[in-house]
PDB file of N, CA and C in Angstrom:
ATOM      1  N   MET A   1      92.202-127.658  19.652  1.00  0.00           N
ATOM      2  CA  MET A   1      90.929-127.698  20.344  1.00  0.00           C
ATOM      3  C   MET A   1      90.290-126.314  20.406  1.00  0.00           C
ATOM      4  N   GLU A   2      91.057-125.285  20.116  1.00  0.00           N
ATOM      5  CA  GLU A   2      90.545-123.918  20.147  1.00  0.00           C
ATOM      6  C   GLU A   2      90.178-123.401  18.759  1.00  0.00           C
ATOM      7  N   ASP A   3      90.130-124.286  17.774  1.00  0.00           N
ATOM      8  CA  ASP A   3      89.803-123.924  16.395  1.00  0.00           C
ATOM      9  C   ASP A   3      90.787-122.932  15.780  1.00  0.00           C
ATOM     10  N   ILE A   4      91.998-122.937  16.263  1.00  0.00           N
ATOM     11  CA  ILE A   4      93.070-122.120  15.689  1.00  0.00           C
ATOM     12  C   ILE A   4      93.794-123.001  14.668  1.00  0.00           C
ATOM     13  N   PRO A   5      93.994-122.531  13.446  1.00  0.00           N
ATOM     14  CA  PRO A   5      94.670-123.360  12.437  1.00  0.00           C
ATOM     15  C   PRO A   5      96.073-123.777  12.878  1.00  0.00           C
ATOM     16  N   LEU A   6      96.407-125.030  12.582  1.00  0.00           N
ATOM     17  CA  LEU A   6      97.752-125.528  12.835  1.00  0.00           C
ATOM     18  C   LEU A   6      98.666-124.993  11.747  1.00  0.00           C
ATOM     19  N   GLU A   7      99.740-124.375  12.138  1.00  0.00           N
ATOM     20  CA  GLU A   7     100.693-123.845  11.177  1.00  0.00           C
ATOM     21  C   GLU A   7     101.693-124.951  10.856  1.00  0.00           C
ATOM     22  N   ILE A   8     101.705-125.384   9.612  1.00  0.00           N
ATOM     23  CA  ILE A   8     102.560-126.480   9.171  1.00  0.00           C
ATOM     24  C   ILE A   8     103.566-125.938   8.168  1.00  0.00           C
ATOM     25  N   PHE A   9     104.829-126.177   8.444  1.00  0.00           N
ATOM     26  CA  PHE A   9     105.892-125.750   7.537  1.00  0.00           C
ATOM     27  C   PHE A   9     106.287-126.956   6.697  1.00  0.00           C
ATOM     28  N   GLY A  10     105.891-126.939   5.435  1.00  0.00           N
ATOM     29  CA  GLY A  10     106.075-128.076   4.544  1.00  0.00           C
ATOM     30  C   GLY A  10     104.737-128.764   4.347  1.00  0.00           C
ATOM     31  N   ASP A  11     104.797-130.048   3.983  1.00  0.00           N
ATOM     32  CA  ASP A  11     103.566-130.777   3.668  1.00  0.00           C
ATOM     33  C   ASP A  11     103.130-131.747   4.761  1.00  0.00           C
ATOM     34  N   GLY A  12     103.854-131.781   5.889  1.00  0.00           N
ATOM     35  CA  GLY A  12     103.509-132.686   6.980  1.00  0.00           C
ATOM     36  C   GLY A  12     104.185-134.035   6.893  1.00  0.00           C
ATOM     37  N   SER A  13     104.975-134.251   5.847  1.00  0.00           N
ATOM     38  CA  SER A  13     105.649-135.546   5.694  1.00  0.00           C
ATOM     39  C   SER A  13     106.953-135.623   6.487  1.00  0.00           C
ATOM     40  N   GLN A  14     107.416-134.466   7.007  1.00  0.00           N
ATOM     41  CA  GLN A  14     108.651-134.492   7.768  1.00  0.00           C
ATOM     42  C   GLN A  14     108.486-135.394   9.000  1.00  0.00           C
ATOM     43  N   LYS A  15     109.576-136.040   9.382  1.00  0.00           N
ATOM     44  CA  LYS A  15     109.542-137.014  10.473  1.00  0.00           C
ATOM     45  C   LYS A  15     110.235-136.450  11.698  1.00  0.00           C
ATOM     46  N   ARG A  16     109.631-136.738  12.850  1.00  0.00           N
ATOM     47  CA  ARG A  16     110.185-136.292  14.115  1.00  0.00           C
ATOM     48  C   ARG A  16     110.180-137.445  15.107  1.00  0.00           C
ATOM     49  N   ASP A  17     111.057-137.335  16.062  1.00  0.00           N
ATOM     50  CA  ASP A  17     111.198-138.309  17.143  1.00  0.00           C
ATOM     51  C   ASP A  17     110.374-137.784  18.320  1.00  0.00           C
ATOM     52  N   PHE A  18     109.044-137.893  18.215  1.00  0.00           N
ATOM     53  CA  PHE A  18     108.158-137.386  19.251  1.00  0.00           C
ATOM     54  C   PHE A  18     108.355-138.202  20.527  1.00  0.00           C
ATOM     55  N   THR A  19     108.546-137.506  21.644  1.00  0.00           N
ATOM     56  CA  THR A  19     108.823-138.182  22.914  1.00  0.00           C
ATOM     57  C   THR A  19     107.897-137.634  23.990  1.00  0.00           C
ATOM     58  N   TYR A  20     107.240-138.518  24.708  1.00  0.00           N
ATOM     59  CA  TYR A  20     106.290-138.120  25.739  1.00  0.00           C
ATOM     60  C   TYR A  20     107.018-137.527  26.937  1.00  0.00           C
ATOM     61  N   ILE A  21     106.452-136.499  27.515  1.00  0.00           N
ATOM     62  CA  ILE A  21     107.088-135.738  28.585  1.00  0.00           C
ATOM     63  C   ILE A  21     107.442-136.597  29.799  1.00  0.00           C
ATOM     64  N   ASP A  22     106.613-137.561  30.157  1.00  0.00           N
ATOM     65  CA  ASP A  22     106.933-138.427  31.308  1.00  0.00           C
ATOM     66  C   ASP A  22     108.205-139.225  31.061  1.00  0.00           C
ATOM     67  N   ASP A  23     108.426-139.660  29.818  1.00  0.00           N
ATOM     68  CA  ASP A  23     109.655-140.378  29.486  1.00  0.00           C
ATOM     69  C   ASP A  23     110.868-139.461  29.639  1.00  0.00           C
ATOM     70  N   ILE A  24     110.736-138.222  29.181  1.00  0.00           N
ATOM     71  CA  ILE A  24     111.840-137.266  29.314  1.00  0.00           C
ATOM     72  C   ILE A  24     112.109-136.977  30.787  1.00  0.00           C
ATOM     73  N   ALA A  25     111.064-136.795  31.576  1.00  0.00           N
ATOM     74  CA  ALA A  25     111.236-136.522  33.009  1.00  0.00           C
ATOM     75  C   ALA A  25     111.941-137.686  33.699  1.00  0.00           C
ATOM     76  N   ARG A  26     111.525-138.915  33.387  1.00  0.00           N
ATOM     77  CA  ARG A  26     112.178-140.093  33.977  1.00  0.00           C
ATOM     78  C   ARG A  26     113.648-140.144  33.614  1.00  0.00           C
ATOM     79  N   GLY A  27     113.950-139.880  32.350  1.00  0.00           N
ATOM     80  CA  GLY A  27     115.339-139.900  31.899  1.00  0.00           C
ATOM     81  C   GLY A  27     116.168-138.809  32.545  1.00  0.00           C
ATOM     82  N   THR A  28     115.583-137.653  32.718  1.00  0.00           N
ATOM     83  CA  THR A  28     116.288-136.542  33.349  1.00  0.00           C
ATOM     84  C   THR A  28     116.627-136.881  34.800  1.00  0.00           C
ATOM     85  N   VAL A  29     115.680-137.442  35.520  1.00  0.00           N
ATOM     86  CA  VAL A  29     115.926-137.830  36.911  1.00  0.00           C
ATOM     87  C   VAL A  29     117.001-138.913  36.975  1.00  0.00           C
ATOM     88  N   LYS A  30     116.931-139.898  36.092  1.00  0.00           N
ATOM     89  CA  LYS A  30     117.948-140.954  36.072  1.00  0.00           C
ATOM     90  C   LYS A  30     119.337-140.407  35.744  1.00  0.00           C
ATOM     91  N   ALA A  31     119.386-139.373  34.919  1.00  0.00           N
ATOM     92  CA  ALA A  31     120.676-138.809  34.502  1.00  0.00           C
ATOM     93  C   ALA A  31     121.337-137.984  35.600  1.00  0.00           C
ATOM     94  N   ILE A  32     120.641-137.754  36.694  1.00  0.00           N
ATOM     95  CA  ILE A  32     121.222-136.995  37.804  1.00  0.00           C
ATOM     96  C   ILE A  32     122.331-137.786  38.495  1.00  0.00           C
ATOM     97  N   LYS A  33     122.309-139.104  38.381  1.00  0.00           N
ATOM     98  CA  LYS A  33     123.336-139.905  39.056  1.00  0.00           C
ATOM     99  C   LYS A  33     124.731-139.507  38.569  1.00  0.00           C
ATOM    100  N   PRO A  34     125.703-139.549  39.444  1.00  0.00           N
ATOM    101  CA  PRO A  34     127.061-139.096  39.068  1.00  0.00           C
ATOM    102  C   PRO A  34     127.683-139.975  37.971  1.00  0.00           C
ATOM    103  N   LEU A  35     127.939-139.361  36.832  1.00  0.00           N
ATOM    104  CA  LEU A  35     128.561-140.065  35.710  1.00  0.00           C
ATOM    105  C   LEU A  35     129.812-139.354  35.224  1.00  0.00           C
ATOM    106  N   GLY A  36     130.103-138.205  35.788  1.00  0.00           N
ATOM    107  CA  GLY A  36     131.085-137.341  35.167  1.00  0.00           C
ATOM    108  C   GLY A  36     130.348-136.568  34.098  1.00  0.00           C
ATOM    109  N   TYR A  37     131.058-135.998  33.154  1.00  0.00           N
ATOM    110  CA  TYR A  37     130.400-135.218  32.110  1.00  0.00           C
ATOM    111  C   TYR A  37     130.059-136.133  30.939  1.00  0.00           C
ATOM    112  N   GLU A  38     128.789-136.246  30.636  1.00  0.00           N
ATOM    113  CA  GLU A  38     128.324-137.048  29.506  1.00  0.00           C
ATOM    114  C   GLU A  38     127.167-136.321  28.828  1.00  0.00           C
ATOM    115  N   VAL A  39     127.128-136.375  27.526  1.00  0.00           N
ATOM    116  CA  VAL A  39     125.976-135.902  26.772  1.00  0.00           C
ATOM    117  C   VAL A  39     125.143-137.132  26.447  1.00  0.00           C
ATOM    118  N   ILE A  40     123.892-137.117  26.885  1.00  0.00           N
ATOM    119  CA  ILE A  40     123.015-138.274  26.704  1.00  0.00           C
ATOM    120  C   ILE A  40     121.751-137.812  25.990  1.00  0.00           C
ATOM    121  N   ASN A  41     121.437-138.436  24.882  1.00  0.00           N
ATOM    122  CA  ASN A  41     120.208-138.124  24.150  1.00  0.00           C
ATOM    123  C   ASN A  41     119.037-138.886  24.754  1.00  0.00           C
ATOM    124  N   LEU A  42     117.959-138.173  24.978  1.00  0.00           N
ATOM    125  CA  LEU A  42     116.702-138.798  25.366  1.00  0.00           C
ATOM    126  C   LEU A  42     115.733-138.559  24.223  1.00  0.00           C
ATOM    127  N   GLY A  43     115.092-139.588  23.766  1.00  0.00           N
ATOM    128  CA  GLY A  43     114.138-139.472  22.674  1.00  0.00           C
ATOM    129  C   GLY A  43     113.381-140.773  22.532  1.00  0.00           C
ATOM    130  N   ASN A  44     112.518-140.823  21.562  1.00  0.00           N
ATOM    131  CA  ASN A  44     111.703-142.015  21.358  1.00  0.00           C
ATOM    132  C   ASN A  44     112.445-143.084  20.553  1.00  0.00           C
ATOM    133  N   ASN A  45     113.515-142.669  19.869  1.00  0.00           N
ATOM    134  CA  ASN A  45     114.306-143.588  19.044  1.00  0.00           C
ATOM    135  C   ASN A  45     113.466-144.184  17.910  1.00  0.00           C
ATOM    136  N   HIS A  46     112.441-143.440  17.500  1.00  0.00           N
ATOM    137  CA  HIS A  46     111.538-143.866  16.425  1.00  0.00           C
ATOM    138  C   HIS A  46     110.927-142.604  15.823  1.00  0.00           C
ATOM    139  N   THR A  47     110.807-142.556  14.521  1.00  0.00           N
ATOM    140  CA  THR A  47     110.230-141.364  13.904  1.00  0.00           C
ATOM    141  C   THR A  47     108.797-141.620  13.430  1.00  0.00           C
ATOM    142  N   ASP A  48     108.016-140.556  13.459  1.00  0.00           N
ATOM    143  CA  ASP A  48     106.664-140.554  12.910  1.00  0.00           C
ATOM    144  C   ASP A  48     106.498-139.276  12.095  1.00  0.00           C
ATOM    145  N   ASN A  49     105.687-139.342  11.062  1.00  0.00           N
ATOM    146  CA  ASN A  49     105.375-138.149  10.264  1.00  0.00           C
ATOM    147  C   ASN A  49     104.571-137.165  11.100  1.00  0.00           C
ATOM    148  N   LEU A  50     104.784-135.898  10.857  1.00  0.00           N
ATOM    149  CA  LEU A  50     103.990-134.865  11.504  1.00  0.00           C
ATOM    150  C   LEU A  50     102.509-135.082  11.197  1.00  0.00           C
ATOM    151  N   SER A  51     102.206-135.476   9.968  1.00  0.00           N
ATOM    152  CA  SER A  51     100.804-135.701   9.591  1.00  0.00           C
ATOM    153  C   SER A  51     100.177-136.836  10.409  1.00  0.00           C
ATOM    154  N   THR A  52     100.958-137.841  10.788  1.00  0.00           N
ATOM    155  CA  THR A  52     100.464-138.928  11.646  1.00  0.00           C
ATOM    156  C   THR A  52     100.099-138.389  13.018  1.00  0.00           C
ATOM    157  N   ALA A  53     100.951-137.533  13.571  1.00  0.00           N
ATOM    158  CA  ALA A  53     100.673-136.930  14.878  1.00  0.00           C
ATOM    159  C   ALA A  53      99.388-136.099  14.819  1.00  0.00           C
ATOM    160  N   ILE A  54      99.217-135.348  13.755  1.00  0.00           N
ATOM    161  CA  ILE A  54      98.019-134.511  13.618  1.00  0.00           C
ATOM    162  C   ILE A  54      96.768-135.379  13.525  1.00  0.00           C
ATOM    163  N   LYS A  55      96.830-136.472  12.772  1.00  0.00           N
ATOM    164  CA  LYS A  55      95.677-137.372  12.655  1.00  0.00           C
ATOM    165  C   LYS A  55      95.314-137.973  14.010  1.00  0.00           C
ATOM    166  N   LEU A  56      96.310-138.294  14.823  1.00  0.00           N
ATOM    167  CA  LEU A  56      96.034-138.819  16.160  1.00  0.00           C
ATOM    168  C   LEU A  56      95.407-137.758  17.053  1.00  0.00           C
ATOM    169  N   ILE A  57      95.870-136.530  16.938  1.00  0.00           N
ATOM    170  CA  ILE A  57      95.266-135.435  17.706  1.00  0.00           C
ATOM    171  C   ILE A  57      93.795-135.280  17.308  1.00  0.00           C
ATOM    172  N   GLU A  58      93.527-135.337  16.006  1.00  0.00           N
ATOM    173  CA  GLU A  58      92.145-135.246  15.535  1.00  0.00           C
ATOM    174  C   GLU A  58      91.306-136.394  16.102  1.00  0.00           C
ATOM    175  N   LYS A  59      91.866-137.586  16.090  1.00  0.00           N
ATOM    176  CA  LYS A  59      91.147-138.757  16.586  1.00  0.00           C
ATOM    177  C   LYS A  59      90.770-138.591  18.053  1.00  0.00           C
ATOM    178  N   TYR A  60      91.713-138.190  18.880  1.00  0.00           N
ATOM    179  CA  TYR A  60      91.462-138.137  20.323  1.00  0.00           C
ATOM    180  C   TYR A  60      90.732-136.874  20.772  1.00  0.00           C
ATOM    181  N   THR A  61      90.780-135.822  19.984  1.00  0.00           N
ATOM    182  CA  THR A  61      89.995-134.631  20.326  1.00  0.00           C
ATOM    183  C   THR A  61      88.601-134.700  19.726  1.00  0.00           C
ATOM    184  N   GLY A  62      88.447-135.522  18.692  1.00  0.00           N
ATOM    185  CA  GLY A  62      87.171-135.597  18.005  1.00  0.00           C
ATOM    186  C   GLY A  62      86.920-134.389  17.118  1.00  0.00           C
ATOM    187  N   LYS A  63      87.994-133.652  16.805  1.00  0.00           N
ATOM    188  CA  LYS A  63      87.853-132.440  15.993  1.00  0.00           C
ATOM    189  C   LYS A  63      88.770-132.514  14.779  1.00  0.00           C
ATOM    190  N   LYS A  64      88.268-132.061  13.651  1.00  0.00           N
ATOM    191  CA  LYS A  64      89.086-131.967  12.436  1.00  0.00           C
ATOM    192  C   LYS A  64      89.916-130.699  12.525  1.00  0.00           C
ATOM    193  N   ALA A  65      91.204-130.839  12.333  1.00  0.00           N
ATOM    194  CA  ALA A  65      92.112-129.691  12.417  1.00  0.00           C
ATOM    195  C   ALA A  65      91.961-128.793  11.196  1.00  0.00           C
ATOM    196  N   LYS A  66      92.169-127.518  11.424  1.00  0.00           N
ATOM    197  CA  LYS A  66      92.292-126.551  10.342  1.00  0.00           C
ATOM    198  C   LYS A  66      93.782-126.365  10.116  1.00  0.00           C
ATOM    199  N   TYR A  67      94.186-126.208   8.867  1.00  0.00           N
ATOM    200  CA  TYR A  67      95.606-126.128   8.538  1.00  0.00           C
ATOM    201  C   TYR A  67      95.959-124.808   7.892  1.00  0.00           C
ATOM    202  N   LYS A  68      97.152-124.338   8.189  1.00  0.00           N
ATOM    203  CA  LYS A  68      97.743-123.218   7.471  1.00  0.00           C
ATOM    204  C   LYS A  68      99.126-123.704   7.026  1.00  0.00           C
ATOM    205  N   PHE A  69      99.272-123.989   5.747  1.00  0.00           N
ATOM    206  CA  PHE A  69     100.528-124.508   5.221  1.00  0.00           C
ATOM    207  C   PHE A  69     101.459-123.362   4.840  1.00  0.00           C
ATOM    208  N   ASN A  70     102.712-123.506   5.213  1.00  0.00           N
ATOM    209  CA  ASN A  70     103.766-122.561   4.861  1.00  0.00           C
ATOM    210  C   ASN A  70     104.876-123.323   4.145  1.00  0.00           C
ATOM    211  N   GLU A  71     105.761-122.596   3.505  1.00  0.00           N
ATOM    212  CA  GLU A  71     106.915-123.248   2.879  1.00  0.00           C
ATOM    213  C   GLU A  71     107.762-123.923   3.948  1.00  0.00           C
ATOM    214  N   PHE A  72     108.330-125.069   3.573  1.00  0.00           N
ATOM    215  CA  PHE A  72     109.257-125.757   4.475  1.00  0.00           C
ATOM    216  C   PHE A  72     110.466-124.851   4.680  1.00  0.00           C
ATOM    217  N   HIS A  73     110.825-124.621   5.931  1.00  0.00           N
ATOM    218  CA  HIS A  73     111.932-123.703   6.227  1.00  0.00           C
ATOM    219  C   HIS A  73     113.250-124.334   5.792  1.00  0.00           C
ATOM    220  N   LYS A  74     114.090-123.558   5.105  1.00  0.00           N
ATOM    221  CA  LYS A  74     115.340-124.091   4.552  1.00  0.00           C
ATOM    222  C   LYS A  74     116.325-124.547   5.632  1.00  0.00           C
ATOM    223  N   ALA A  75     116.172-124.061   6.857  1.00  0.00           N
ATOM    224  CA  ALA A  75     117.076-124.483   7.935  1.00  0.00           C
ATOM    225  C   ALA A  75     116.537-125.687   8.707  1.00  0.00           C
ATOM    226  N   ASP A  76     115.336-126.139   8.370  1.00  0.00           N
ATOM    227  CA  ASP A  76     114.737-127.274   9.058  1.00  0.00           C
ATOM    228  C   ASP A  76     115.236-128.581   8.438  1.00  0.00           C
ATOM    229  N   MET A  77     114.986-129.689   9.133  1.00  0.00           N
ATOM    230  CA  MET A  77     115.376-131.004   8.636  1.00  0.00           C
ATOM    231  C   MET A  77     114.129-131.817   8.318  1.00  0.00           C
ATOM    232  N   LYS A  78     114.234-132.679   7.339  1.00  0.00           N
ATOM    233  CA  LYS A  78     113.113-133.542   6.957  1.00  0.00           C
ATOM    234  C   LYS A  78     112.917-134.696   7.945  1.00  0.00           C
ATOM    235  N   ASP A  79     113.976-135.073   8.649  1.00  0.00           N
ATOM    236  CA  ASP A  79     113.920-136.255   9.516  1.00  0.00           C
ATOM    237  C   ASP A  79     114.878-136.072  10.686  1.00  0.00           C
ATOM    238  N   THR A  80     114.385-136.265  11.905  1.00  0.00           N
ATOM    239  CA  THR A  80     115.259-136.248  13.083  1.00  0.00           C
ATOM    240  C   THR A  80     114.924-137.439  13.968  1.00  0.00           C
ATOM    241  N   CYS A  81     115.952-138.036  14.564  1.00  0.00           N
ATOM    242  CA  CYS A  81     115.755-139.184  15.446  1.00  0.00           C
ATOM    243  C   CYS A  81     116.917-139.249  16.434  1.00  0.00           C
ATOM    244  N   ALA A  82     116.595-139.419  17.702  1.00  0.00           N
ATOM    245  CA  ALA A  82     117.620-139.480  18.744  1.00  0.00           C
ATOM    246  C   ALA A  82     118.258-140.865  18.808  1.00  0.00           C
ATOM    247  N   ASP A  83     119.563-140.885  18.977  1.00  0.00           N
ATOM    248  CA  ASP A  83     120.288-142.127  19.260  1.00  0.00           C
ATOM    249  C   ASP A  83     120.330-142.256  20.778  1.00  0.00           C
ATOM    250  N   ILE A  84     119.575-143.218  21.314  1.00  0.00           N
ATOM    251  CA  ILE A  84     119.473-143.352  22.765  1.00  0.00           C
ATOM    252  C   ILE A  84     120.352-144.470  23.331  1.00  0.00           C
ATOM    253  N   SER A  85     121.315-144.939  22.545  1.00  0.00           N
ATOM    254  CA  SER A  85     122.148-146.054  22.999  1.00  0.00           C
ATOM    255  C   SER A  85     122.913-145.727  24.288  1.00  0.00           C
ATOM    256  N   LYS A  86     123.416-144.480  24.429  1.00  0.00           N
ATOM    257  CA  LYS A  86     124.106-144.100  25.672  1.00  0.00           C
ATOM    258  C   LYS A  86     123.140-144.053  26.853  1.00  0.00           C
ATOM    259  N   ALA A  87     121.930-143.594  26.623  1.00  0.00           N
ATOM    260  CA  ALA A  87     120.936-143.543  27.700  1.00  0.00           C
ATOM    261  C   ALA A  87     120.617-144.954  28.191  1.00  0.00           C
ATOM    262  N   LYS A  88     120.498-145.884  27.269  1.00  0.00           N
ATOM    263  CA  LYS A  88     120.252-147.281  27.654  1.00  0.00           C
ATOM    264  C   LYS A  88     121.429-147.832  28.453  1.00  0.00           C
ATOM    265  N   ARG A  89     122.634-147.573  27.971  1.00  0.00           N
ATOM    266  CA  ARG A  89     123.842-148.131  28.575  1.00  0.00           C
ATOM    267  C   ARG A  89     124.199-147.476  29.912  1.00  0.00           C
ATOM    268  N   LEU A  90     124.152-146.152  29.970  1.00  0.00           N
ATOM    269  CA  LEU A  90     124.651-145.446  31.156  1.00  0.00           C
ATOM    270  C   LEU A  90     123.619-145.264  32.262  1.00  0.00           C
ATOM    271  N   ILE A  91     122.364-145.081  31.901  1.00  0.00           N
ATOM    272  CA  ILE A  91     121.360-144.838  32.948  1.00  0.00           C
ATOM    273  C   ILE A  91     120.181-145.809  32.875  1.00  0.00           C
ATOM    274  N   ASN A  92     120.327-146.845  32.055  1.00  0.00           N
ATOM    275  CA  ASN A  92     119.298-147.873  31.932  1.00  0.00           C
ATOM    276  C   ASN A  92     117.926-147.262  31.629  1.00  0.00           C
ATOM    277  N   TRP A  93     117.896-146.387  30.628  1.00  0.00           N
ATOM    278  CA  TRP A  93     116.665-145.675  30.273  1.00  0.00           C
ATOM    279  C   TRP A  93     116.277-145.978  28.847  1.00  0.00           C
ATOM    280  N   GLN A  94     114.995-146.098  28.639  1.00  0.00           N
ATOM    281  CA  GLN A  94     114.421-146.102  27.295  1.00  0.00           C
ATOM    282  C   GLN A  94     112.978-145.641  27.409  1.00  0.00           C
ATOM    283  N   PRO A  95     112.425-145.092  26.329  1.00  0.00           N
ATOM    284  CA  PRO A  95     111.057-144.580  26.392  1.00  0.00           C
ATOM    285  C   PRO A  95     110.054-145.700  26.603  1.00  0.00           C
ATOM    286  N   GLN A  96     108.951-145.347  27.244  1.00  0.00           N
ATOM    287  CA  GLN A  96     107.893-146.327  27.508  1.00  0.00           C
ATOM    288  C   GLN A  96     106.567-145.983  26.840  1.00  0.00           C
ATOM    289  N   VAL A  97     106.431-144.735  26.372  1.00  0.00           N
ATOM    290  CA  VAL A  97     105.149-144.276  25.835  1.00  0.00           C
ATOM    291  C   VAL A  97     105.305-143.957  24.347  1.00  0.00           C
ATOM    292  N   ASN A  98     104.528-144.648  23.507  1.00  0.00           N
ATOM    293  CA  ASN A  98     104.605-144.380  22.066  1.00  0.00           C
ATOM    294  C   ASN A  98     103.773-143.149  21.704  1.00  0.00           C
ATOM    295  N   LEU A  99     103.861-142.731  20.467  1.00  0.00           N
ATOM    296  CA  LEU A  99     103.182-141.512  20.009  1.00  0.00           C
ATOM    297  C   LEU A  99     101.679-141.585  20.238  1.00  0.00           C
ATOM    298  N   LYS A 100     101.054-142.686  19.857  1.00  0.00           N
ATOM    299  CA  LYS A 100      99.598-142.827  19.988  1.00  0.00           C
ATOM    300  C   LYS A 100      99.169-142.668  21.438  1.00  0.00           C
ATOM    301  N   GLU A 101      99.816-143.367  22.336  1.00  0.00           N
ATOM    302  CA  GLU A 101      99.465-143.293  23.754  1.00  0.00           C
ATOM    303  C   GLU A 101      99.792-141.918  24.335  1.00  0.00           C
ATOM    304  N   GLY A 102     100.901-141.332  23.913  1.00  0.00           N
ATOM    305  CA  GLY A 102     101.290-140.014  24.408  1.00  0.00           C
ATOM    306  C   GLY A 102     100.289-138.939  24.020  1.00  0.00           C
ATOM    307  N   ILE A 103      99.810-138.981  22.785  1.00  0.00           N
ATOM    308  CA  ILE A 103      98.819-137.998  22.354  1.00  0.00           C
ATOM    309  C   ILE A 103      97.497-138.235  23.072  1.00  0.00           C
ATOM    310  N   LYS A 104      97.119-139.473  23.227  1.00  0.00           N
ATOM    311  CA  LYS A 104      95.879-139.796  23.960  1.00  0.00           C
ATOM    312  C   LYS A 104      95.950-139.232  25.379  1.00  0.00           C
ATOM    313  N   ARG A 105      97.048-139.478  26.081  1.00  0.00           N
ATOM    314  CA  ARG A 105      97.214-138.971  27.447  1.00  0.00           C
ATOM    315  C   ARG A 105      97.213-137.443  27.484  1.00  0.00           C
ATOM    316  N   THR A 106      97.862-136.833  26.506  1.00  0.00           N
ATOM    317  CA  THR A 106      97.937-135.367  26.460  1.00  0.00           C
ATOM    318  C   THR A 106      96.561-134.750  26.248  1.00  0.00           C
ATOM    319  N   VAL A 107      95.760-135.331  25.366  1.00  0.00           N
ATOM    320  CA  VAL A 107      94.414-134.811  25.121  1.00  0.00           C
ATOM    321  C   VAL A 107      93.557-134.965  26.381  1.00  0.00           C
ATOM    322  N   ILE A 108      93.626-136.120  27.028  1.00  0.00           N
ATOM    323  CA  ILE A 108      92.870-136.337  28.269  1.00  0.00           C
ATOM    324  C   ILE A 108      93.280-135.308  29.315  1.00  0.00           C
ATOM    325  N   TRP A 109      94.575-135.094  29.487  1.00  0.00           N
ATOM    326  CA  TRP A 109      95.080-134.134  30.466  1.00  0.00           C
ATOM    327  C   TRP A 109      94.634-132.714  30.123  1.00  0.00           C
ATOM    328  N   THR A 110      94.718-132.350  28.843  1.00  0.00           N
ATOM    329  CA  THR A 110      94.327-131.011  28.413  1.00  0.00           C
ATOM    330  C   THR A 110      92.848-130.768  28.680  1.00  0.00           C
ATOM    331  N   LYS A 111      92.017-131.739  28.381  1.00  0.00           N
ATOM    332  CA  LYS A 111      90.584-131.598  28.643  1.00  0.00           C
ATOM    333  C   LYS A 111      90.309-131.511  30.145  1.00  0.00           C
ATOM    334  N   LYS A 112      91.051-132.263  30.926  1.00  0.00           N
ATOM    335  CA  LYS A 112      90.871-132.270  32.383  1.00  0.00           C
ATOM    336  C   LYS A 112      91.181-130.911  33.003  1.00  0.00           C
ATOM    337  N   ILE A 113      92.208-130.226  32.505  1.00  0.00           N
ATOM    338  CA  ILE A 113      92.567-128.937  33.105  1.00  0.00           C
ATOM    339  C   ILE A 113      91.735-127.790  32.532  1.00  0.00           C
ATOM    340  N   GLY A 114      90.836-128.113  31.623  1.00  0.00           N
ATOM    341  CA  GLY A 114      89.887-127.115  31.154  1.00  0.00           C
ATOM    342  C   GLY A 114      90.246-126.375  29.892  1.00  0.00           C
ATOM    343  N   ASN A 115      91.211-126.890  29.135  1.00  0.00           N
ATOM    344  CA  ASN A 115      91.575-126.228  27.878  1.00  0.00           C
ATOM    345  C   ASN A 115      90.955-126.944  26.689  1.00  0.00           C
ATOM    346  N   GLY A 116      89.961-127.750  26.875  1.00  0.00           N
ATOM    347  CA  GLY A 116      89.389-128.462  25.755  1.00  0.00           C
ATOM    348  C   GLY A 116      87.943-128.621  25.914  1.00  0.00           C
TER     349      GLY A 116
END
């Protein structure tokens, strides 16, 4: 929204498990219950291309993004996705907000606080 080019490492086809902050906050609060020591993944359990996320940002901001493409970093991964089966089983948690809705809410919030 500030007309600063988005720095993209690779071609934007890499997939990520984008997760809305409210879902993470809910999961974190639920995980406070006494379970002993457990590692629990919180995530969307679904991947989307980075380019899909950027197109949604453009849609909800009404602005065409400027891009600065860089080489894909050799230590990065092409695809990441959280296994949330333990979160479902141990704390009865799963995400409620998909990528489209999460970006829409984020843009509305950003504009409301005066950064857009």
